[in-house]
C-alpha atoms as a PDB file:
ATOM      1  CA  UNK A   1      58.142 -73.759 -79.562  1.00  0.00           C
ATOM      2  CA  UNK A   2      60.391 -74.892 -82.545  1.00  0.00           C
ATOM      3  CA  UNK A   3      64.448 -74.832 -83.336  1.00  0.00           C
ATOM      4  CA  UNK A   4      63.660 -71.597 -84.996  1.00  0.00           C
ATOM      5  CA  UNK A   5      62.924 -69.930 -81.851  1.00  0.00           C
ATOM      6  CA  UNK A   6      67.148 -69.162 -80.751  1.00  0.00           C
ATOM      7  CA  UNK A   7      65.969 -66.606 -78.488  1.00  0.00           C
ATOM      8  CA  UNK A   8      62.830 -68.334 -76.778  1.00  0.00           C
ATOM      9  CA  UNK A   9      64.724 -71.681 -76.390  1.00  0.00           C
ATOM     10  CA  UNK A  10      67.978 -70.000 -75.378  1.00  0.00           C
ATOM     11  CA  UNK A  11      65.999 -68.252 -72.764  1.00  0.00           C
ATOM     12  CA  UNK A  12      64.659 -71.406 -71.146  1.00  0.00           C
ATOM     13  CA  UNK A  13      67.542 -72.853 -71.196  1.00  0.00           C
ATOM     14  CA  UNK A  14      69.298 -70.166 -68.948  1.00  0.00           C
ATOM     15  CA  UNK A  15      66.134 -70.923 -66.578  1.00  0.00           C
ATOM     16  CA  UNK A  16      66.122 -74.627 -66.839  1.00  0.00           C
ATOM     17  CA  UNK A  17      70.029 -74.785 -66.326  1.00  0.00           C
ATOM     18  CA  UNK A  18      71.493 -71.890 -64.320  1.00  0.00           C
ATOM     19  CA  UNK A  19      74.395 -73.515 -63.279  1.00  0.00           C
ATOM     20  CA  UNK A  20      75.334 -73.996 -66.568  1.00  0.00           C
ATOM     21  CA  UNK A  21      77.811 -72.523 -68.487  1.00  0.00           C
ATOM     22  CA  UNK A  22      76.592 -72.205 -72.253  1.00  0.00           C
ATOM     23  CA  UNK A  23      80.053 -72.016 -73.896  1.00  0.00           C
ATOM     24  CA  UNK A  24      81.015 -75.455 -72.593  1.00  0.00           C
ATOM     25  CA  UNK A  25      77.677 -77.709 -73.309  1.00  0.00           C
ATOM     26  CA  UNK A  26      78.206 -80.613 -75.756  1.00  0.00           C
ATOM     27  CA  UNK A  27      75.711 -79.824 -78.479  1.00  0.00           C
ATOM     28  CA  UNK A  28      74.357 -83.678 -77.670  1.00  0.00           C
ATOM     29  CA  UNK A  29      73.284 -82.237 -74.422  1.00  0.00           C
ATOM     30  CA  UNK A  30      71.997 -79.330 -75.704  1.00  0.00           C
ATOM     31  CA  UNK A  31      69.668 -81.350 -77.906  1.00  0.00           C
ATOM     32  CA  UNK A  32      68.408 -83.082 -75.188  1.00  0.00           C
ATOM     33  CA  UNK A  33      67.818 -80.417 -73.131  1.00  0.00           C
ATOM     34  CA  UNK A  34      65.840 -78.723 -76.094  1.00  0.00           C
ATOM     35  CA  UNK A  35      63.376 -81.783 -76.627  1.00  0.00           C
ATOM     36  CA  UNK A  36      63.191 -82.003 -72.834  1.00  0.00           C
ATOM     37  CA  UNK A  37      61.563 -78.044 -72.352  1.00  0.00           C
ATOM     38  CA  UNK A  38      58.252 -77.452 -71.630  1.00  0.00           C
ATOM     39  CA  UNK A  39      56.651 -75.898 -74.547  1.00  0.00           C
ATOM     40  CA  UNK A  40      58.639 -77.588 -77.501  1.00  0.00           C
ATOM     41  CA  UNK A  41      57.023 -79.521 -79.911  1.00  0.00           C
ATOM     42  CA  UNK A  42      59.409 -79.911 -83.203  1.00  0.00           C
ATOM     43  CA  UNK A  43      60.551 -82.365 -85.409  1.00  0.00           C
ATOM     44  CA  UNK A  44      63.670 -83.758 -83.283  1.00  0.00           C
ATOM     45  CA  UNK A  45      64.751 -84.522 -86.434  1.00  0.00           C
ATOM     46  CA  UNK A  46      65.060 -81.279 -87.858  1.00  0.00           C
ATOM     47  CA  UNK A  47      67.704 -80.576 -86.088  1.00  0.00           C
ATOM     48  CA  UNK A  48      71.077 -79.490 -87.442  1.00  0.00           C
ATOM     49  CA  UNK A  49      74.586 -78.233 -85.835  1.00  0.00           C
ATOM     50  CA  UNK A  50      73.916 -74.894 -87.530  1.00  0.00           C
ATOM     51  CA  UNK A  51      70.816 -74.812 -85.360  1.00  0.00           C
ATOM     52  CA  UNK A  52      72.622 -75.813 -82.110  1.00  0.00           C
ATOM     53  CA  UNK A  53      75.431 -73.599 -82.366  1.00  0.00           C
ATOM     54  CA  UNK A  54      72.518 -70.588 -83.153  1.00  0.00           C
ATOM     55  CA  UNK A  55      70.827 -71.878 -80.070  1.00  0.00           C
ATOM     56  CA  UNK A  56      74.057 -71.710 -77.745  1.00  0.00           C
ATOM     57  CA  UNK A  57      75.533 -68.237 -79.129  1.00  0.00           C
ATOM     58  CA  UNK A  58      72.072 -66.709 -78.217  1.00  0.00           C
ATOM     59  CA  UNK A  59      72.133 -68.580 -74.702  1.00  0.00           C
ATOM     60  CA  UNK A  60      75.843 -67.293 -74.336  1.00  0.00           C
ATOM     61  CA  UNK A  61      74.369 -63.990 -75.088  1.00  0.00           C
ATOM     62  CA  UNK A  62      71.643 -64.286 -72.670  1.00  0.00           C
ATOM     63  CA  UNK A  63      74.167 -65.348 -69.641  1.00  0.00           C
ATOM     64  CA  UNK A  64      75.859 -62.069 -70.346  1.00  0.00           C
END
C-alpha cells in the first residue's frame, strides 16, 4: 500500500484498531499506525497533513 491508497489504508486501520475512534486519533498517531500496517511500503517522507486528513476522513466513512 502507498499513501495514496486512502480507502485501502482506512479499511486496514479499521481492522487493526477496531476500538479506535478515527475522529479523535492525532495525525502523529495515525502516521505511526499507517507505517506499521502490514503491506505498507511507501516512503515515510511522502506523507503530509493533507494525506493524513484524507486517510482519517476515509476511516471515518469506513466506521459508519
